[in-house]
Amino acid sequence: MNMPTPADHGVTFEFTTIARELRAEPAYLRDGQAGRTLIRSSDLRIVIVALKAGKTISEHHTNVSASVQTLAGHIRLQLPDRGEDVPVGTLLVLGAALSHDVYAETDSVFLLTLGWSASP
C-alpha cells in the first residue's frame, strides 16, 4: 500500500503509470476496483480509482464538496434525481452530502477530489 505523498513542497503524479499499477493490483484483478490516495491533508484529499467495465461503487456520499474527473474510459453517476454521464475529459462537481453511485460503462480511471469542511 502506498502512503499519500506530502504536498508541502509541490508534487506531481503521472496518471498513466498509476492507472497501469492500479489495474495490476490484486484488488482490481479480483474485484474490478482499486484506488490510491494521492494526497491527504487537513484541507484536501485526492484519490485515483480504476473501475472495470460493468462494476459499480454502491450509493454513498461525502460530507464535503467533491469533484470527479474521468481520466480514461466512461463512468456514469446516479444522482438522486438523474443519471450523469462523465466520459473521459469531463469534470463533475458534487455538493456536500449529495448521494450517488458510480458505474463504469467501460474500463475507467477517475480522479476524486474532496474539499474540506468549512466548520472548525
C-alpha atoms as a PDB file:
ATOM      1  CA  MET A   1       0.000   0.000   0.000  1.00  0.00           C
ATOM      2  CA  ASN A   2       1.371   3.384  -0.984  1.00  0.00           C
ATOM      3  CA  MET A   3       1.122   6.201   1.535  1.00  0.00           C
ATOM      4  CA  PRO A   4      -0.157   9.575   0.314  1.00  0.00           C
ATOM      5  CA  THR A   5       2.601  11.918  -0.792  1.00  0.00           C
ATOM      6  CA  PRO A   6       3.073  15.138   1.228  1.00  0.00           C
ATOM      7  CA  ALA A   7       2.329  18.167  -0.922  1.00  0.00           C
ATOM      8  CA  ASP A   8       4.224  20.645   1.245  1.00  0.00           C
ATOM      9  CA  HIS A   9       6.818  21.407  -1.442  1.00  0.00           C
ATOM     10  CA  GLY A  10       4.760  20.507  -4.509  1.00  0.00           C
ATOM     11  CA  VAL A  11       4.324  17.089  -6.050  1.00  0.00           C
ATOM     12  CA  THR A  12       3.441  15.724  -9.485  1.00  0.00           C
ATOM     13  CA  PHE A  13       1.750  12.482 -10.483  1.00  0.00           C
ATOM     14  CA  GLU A  14       1.818  10.597 -13.767  1.00  0.00           C
ATOM     15  CA  PHE A  15      -1.697   9.220 -14.182  1.00  0.00           C
ATOM     16  CA  THR A  16      -0.948   6.706 -16.941  1.00  0.00           C
ATOM     17  CA  THR A  17       1.646   4.934 -14.782  1.00  0.00           C
ATOM     18  CA  ILE A  18      -0.583   4.966 -11.705  1.00  0.00           C
ATOM     19  CA  ALA A  19      -3.541   3.616 -13.719  1.00  0.00           C
ATOM     20  CA  ARG A  20      -1.396   0.760 -15.022  1.00  0.00           C
ATOM     21  CA  GLU A  21      -0.261  -0.044 -11.465  1.00  0.00           C
ATOM     22  CA  LEU A  22      -3.853   0.006 -10.170  1.00  0.00           C
ATOM     23  CA  ARG A  23      -5.026  -2.359 -12.906  1.00  0.00           C
ATOM     24  CA  ALA A  24      -2.284  -4.821 -11.867  1.00  0.00           C
ATOM     25  CA  GLU A  25      -3.253  -4.810  -8.165  1.00  0.00           C
ATOM     26  CA  PRO A  26      -4.869  -7.940  -6.705  1.00  0.00           C
ATOM     27  CA  ALA A  27      -7.999  -5.984  -5.683  1.00  0.00           C
ATOM     28  CA  TYR A  28      -8.581  -4.853  -9.267  1.00  0.00           C
ATOM     29  CA  LEU A  29      -7.940  -8.311 -10.698  1.00  0.00           C
ATOM     30  CA  ARG A  30     -10.254  -9.894  -8.111  1.00  0.00           C
ATOM     31  CA  ASP A  31     -12.988  -7.254  -7.651  1.00  0.00           C
ATOM     32  CA  GLY A  32     -12.631  -4.911 -10.620  1.00  0.00           C
ATOM     33  CA  GLN A  33     -11.846  -1.912  -8.437  1.00  0.00           C
ATOM     34  CA  ALA A  34      -8.688  -0.388  -6.965  1.00  0.00           C
ATOM     35  CA  GLY A  35      -7.828   3.047  -5.688  1.00  0.00           C
ATOM     36  CA  ARG A  36      -4.949   5.009  -4.304  1.00  0.00           C
ATOM     37  CA  THR A  37      -4.979   8.140  -2.172  1.00  0.00           C
ATOM     38  CA  LEU A  38      -2.511  10.538  -3.751  1.00  0.00           C
ATOM     39  CA  ILE A  39      -2.899  13.447  -1.320  1.00  0.00           C
ATOM     40  CA  ARG A  40      -4.372  13.503   2.178  1.00  0.00           C
ATOM     41  CA  SER A  41      -4.084  16.723   4.140  1.00  0.00           C
ATOM     42  CA  SER A  42      -6.291  18.642   6.541  1.00  0.00           C
ATOM     43  CA  ASP A  43      -7.935  20.553   3.685  1.00  0.00           C
ATOM     44  CA  LEU A  44      -7.696  18.301   0.626  1.00  0.00           C
ATOM     45  CA  ARG A  45      -7.910  14.665  -0.396  1.00  0.00           C
ATOM     46  CA  ILE A  46      -7.213  13.373  -3.923  1.00  0.00           C
ATOM     47  CA  VAL A  47      -7.872   9.747  -4.838  1.00  0.00           C
ATOM     48  CA  ILE A  48      -7.392   7.965  -8.164  1.00  0.00           C
ATOM     49  CA  VAL A  49      -9.707   5.000  -8.831  1.00  0.00           C
ATOM     50  CA  ALA A  50      -9.652   2.295 -11.504  1.00  0.00           C
ATOM     51  CA  LEU A  51     -13.011   0.614 -12.130  1.00  0.00           C
ATOM     52  CA  LYS A  52     -13.558  -2.283 -14.522  1.00  0.00           C
ATOM     53  CA  ALA A  53     -16.392  -2.083 -17.087  1.00  0.00           C
ATOM     54  CA  GLY A  54     -19.728  -3.110 -15.591  1.00  0.00           C
ATOM     55  CA  LYS A  55     -18.663  -2.559 -11.981  1.00  0.00           C
ATOM     56  CA  THR A  56     -20.495  -0.270  -9.558  1.00  0.00           C
ATOM     57  CA  ILE A  57     -19.425   1.584  -6.454  1.00  0.00           C
ATOM     58  CA  SER A  58     -22.599   1.477  -4.352  1.00  0.00           C
ATOM     59  CA  GLU A  59     -24.516   4.546  -3.271  1.00  0.00           C
ATOM     60  CA  HIS A  60     -22.622   6.760  -0.867  1.00  0.00           C
ATOM     61  CA  HIS A  61     -21.973  10.432  -0.103  1.00  0.00           C
ATOM     62  CA  THR A  62     -19.331  12.661   1.425  1.00  0.00           C
ATOM     63  CA  ASN A  63     -19.796  15.454   3.920  1.00  0.00           C
ATOM     64  CA  VAL A  64     -17.795  17.859   1.737  1.00  0.00           C
ATOM     65  CA  SER A  65     -17.951  19.067  -1.848  1.00  0.00           C
ATOM     66  CA  ALA A  66     -16.240  16.778  -4.324  1.00  0.00           C
ATOM     67  CA  SER A  67     -15.322  16.544  -7.964  1.00  0.00           C
ATOM     68  CA  VAL A  68     -14.993  13.538 -10.235  1.00  0.00           C
ATOM     69  CA  GLN A  69     -12.849  13.792 -13.364  1.00  0.00           C
ATOM     70  CA  THR A  70     -12.653  10.895 -15.784  1.00  0.00           C
ATOM     71  CA  LEU A  71      -9.092  10.315 -16.973  1.00  0.00           C
ATOM     72  CA  ALA A  72      -9.790   7.184 -19.034  1.00  0.00           C
ATOM     73  CA  GLY A  73     -12.966   5.402 -20.066  1.00  0.00           C
ATOM     74  CA  HIS A  74     -16.521   6.429 -19.247  1.00  0.00           C
ATOM     75  CA  ILE A  75     -18.330   6.418 -15.905  1.00  0.00           C
ATOM     76  CA  ARG A  76     -21.903   7.253 -15.013  1.00  0.00           C
ATOM     77  CA  LEU A  77     -23.029   8.634 -11.677  1.00  0.00           C
ATOM     78  CA  GLN A  78     -26.555   8.051 -10.484  1.00  0.00           C
ATOM     79  CA  LEU A  79     -27.681  11.094  -8.514  1.00  0.00           C
ATOM     80  CA  PRO A  80     -30.947  11.266  -6.553  1.00  0.00           C
ATOM     81  CA  ASP A  81     -32.803  12.943  -9.425  1.00  0.00           C
ATOM     82  CA  ARG A  82     -30.886  11.887 -12.549  1.00  0.00           C
ATOM     83  CA  GLY A  83     -28.043   9.967 -14.117  1.00  0.00           C
ATOM     84  CA  GLU A  84     -24.977  11.934 -15.173  1.00  0.00           C
ATOM     85  CA  ASP A  85     -22.564  10.661 -17.844  1.00  0.00           C
ATOM     86  CA  VAL A  86     -18.924  11.509 -17.153  1.00  0.00           C
ATOM     87  CA  PRO A  87     -16.875  10.432 -20.197  1.00  0.00           C
ATOM     88  CA  VAL A  88     -13.113  10.941 -20.447  1.00  0.00           C
ATOM     89  CA  GLY A  89     -12.142  14.589 -20.196  1.00  0.00           C
ATOM     90  CA  THR A  90     -15.245  15.546 -18.187  1.00  0.00           C
ATOM     91  CA  LEU A  91     -15.407  17.009 -14.688  1.00  0.00           C
ATOM     92  CA  LEU A  92     -18.488  16.623 -12.483  1.00  0.00           C
ATOM     93  CA  VAL A  93     -18.757  18.652  -9.273  1.00  0.00           C
ATOM     94  CA  LEU A  94     -20.931  17.345  -6.434  1.00  0.00           C
ATOM     95  CA  GLY A  95     -22.278  19.306  -3.495  1.00  0.00           C
ATOM     96  CA  ALA A  96     -21.724  18.069   0.032  1.00  0.00           C
ATOM     97  CA  ALA A  97     -23.989  15.200   1.127  1.00  0.00           C
ATOM     98  CA  LEU A  98     -25.236  14.509  -2.427  1.00  0.00           C
ATOM     99  CA  SER A  99     -25.769  10.753  -2.560  1.00  0.00           C
ATOM    100  CA  HIS A 100     -24.593   8.959  -5.693  1.00  0.00           C
ATOM    101  CA  ASP A 101     -23.267   5.715  -7.033  1.00  0.00           C
ATOM    102  CA  VAL A 102     -20.649   5.202  -9.733  1.00  0.00           C
ATOM    103  CA  TYR A 103     -20.965   2.774 -12.657  1.00  0.00           C
ATOM    104  CA  ALA A 104     -18.206   2.058 -15.181  1.00  0.00           C
ATOM    105  CA  GLU A 105     -19.602   1.990 -18.709  1.00  0.00           C
ATOM    106  CA  THR A 106     -16.123   0.951 -19.909  1.00  0.00           C
ATOM    107  CA  ASP A 107     -12.829   0.206 -18.130  1.00  0.00           C
ATOM    108  CA  SER A 108     -12.266   3.556 -16.453  1.00  0.00           C
ATOM    109  CA  VAL A 109      -9.929   5.596 -14.302  1.00  0.00           C
ATOM    110  CA  PHE A 110     -11.154   8.683 -12.500  1.00  0.00           C
ATOM    111  CA  LEU A 111      -9.813  11.259 -10.113  1.00  0.00           C
ATOM    112  CA  LEU A 112     -11.822  12.043  -6.991  1.00  0.00           C
ATOM    113  CA  THR A 113     -11.025  15.354  -5.295  1.00  0.00           C
ATOM    114  CA  LEU A 114     -12.568  16.114  -1.894  1.00  0.00           C
ATOM    115  CA  GLY A 115     -12.643  19.598  -0.410  1.00  0.00           C
ATOM    116  CA  TRP A 116     -12.665  20.447   3.261  1.00  0.00           C
ATOM    117  CA  SER A 117     -15.294  21.269   5.805  1.00  0.00           C
ATOM    118  CA  ALA A 118     -15.831  24.970   6.500  1.00  0.00           C
ATOM    119  CA  SER A 119     -16.558  24.230  10.152  1.00  0.00           C
ATOM    120  CA  PRO A 120     -13.612  24.126  12.583  1.00  0.00           C
END
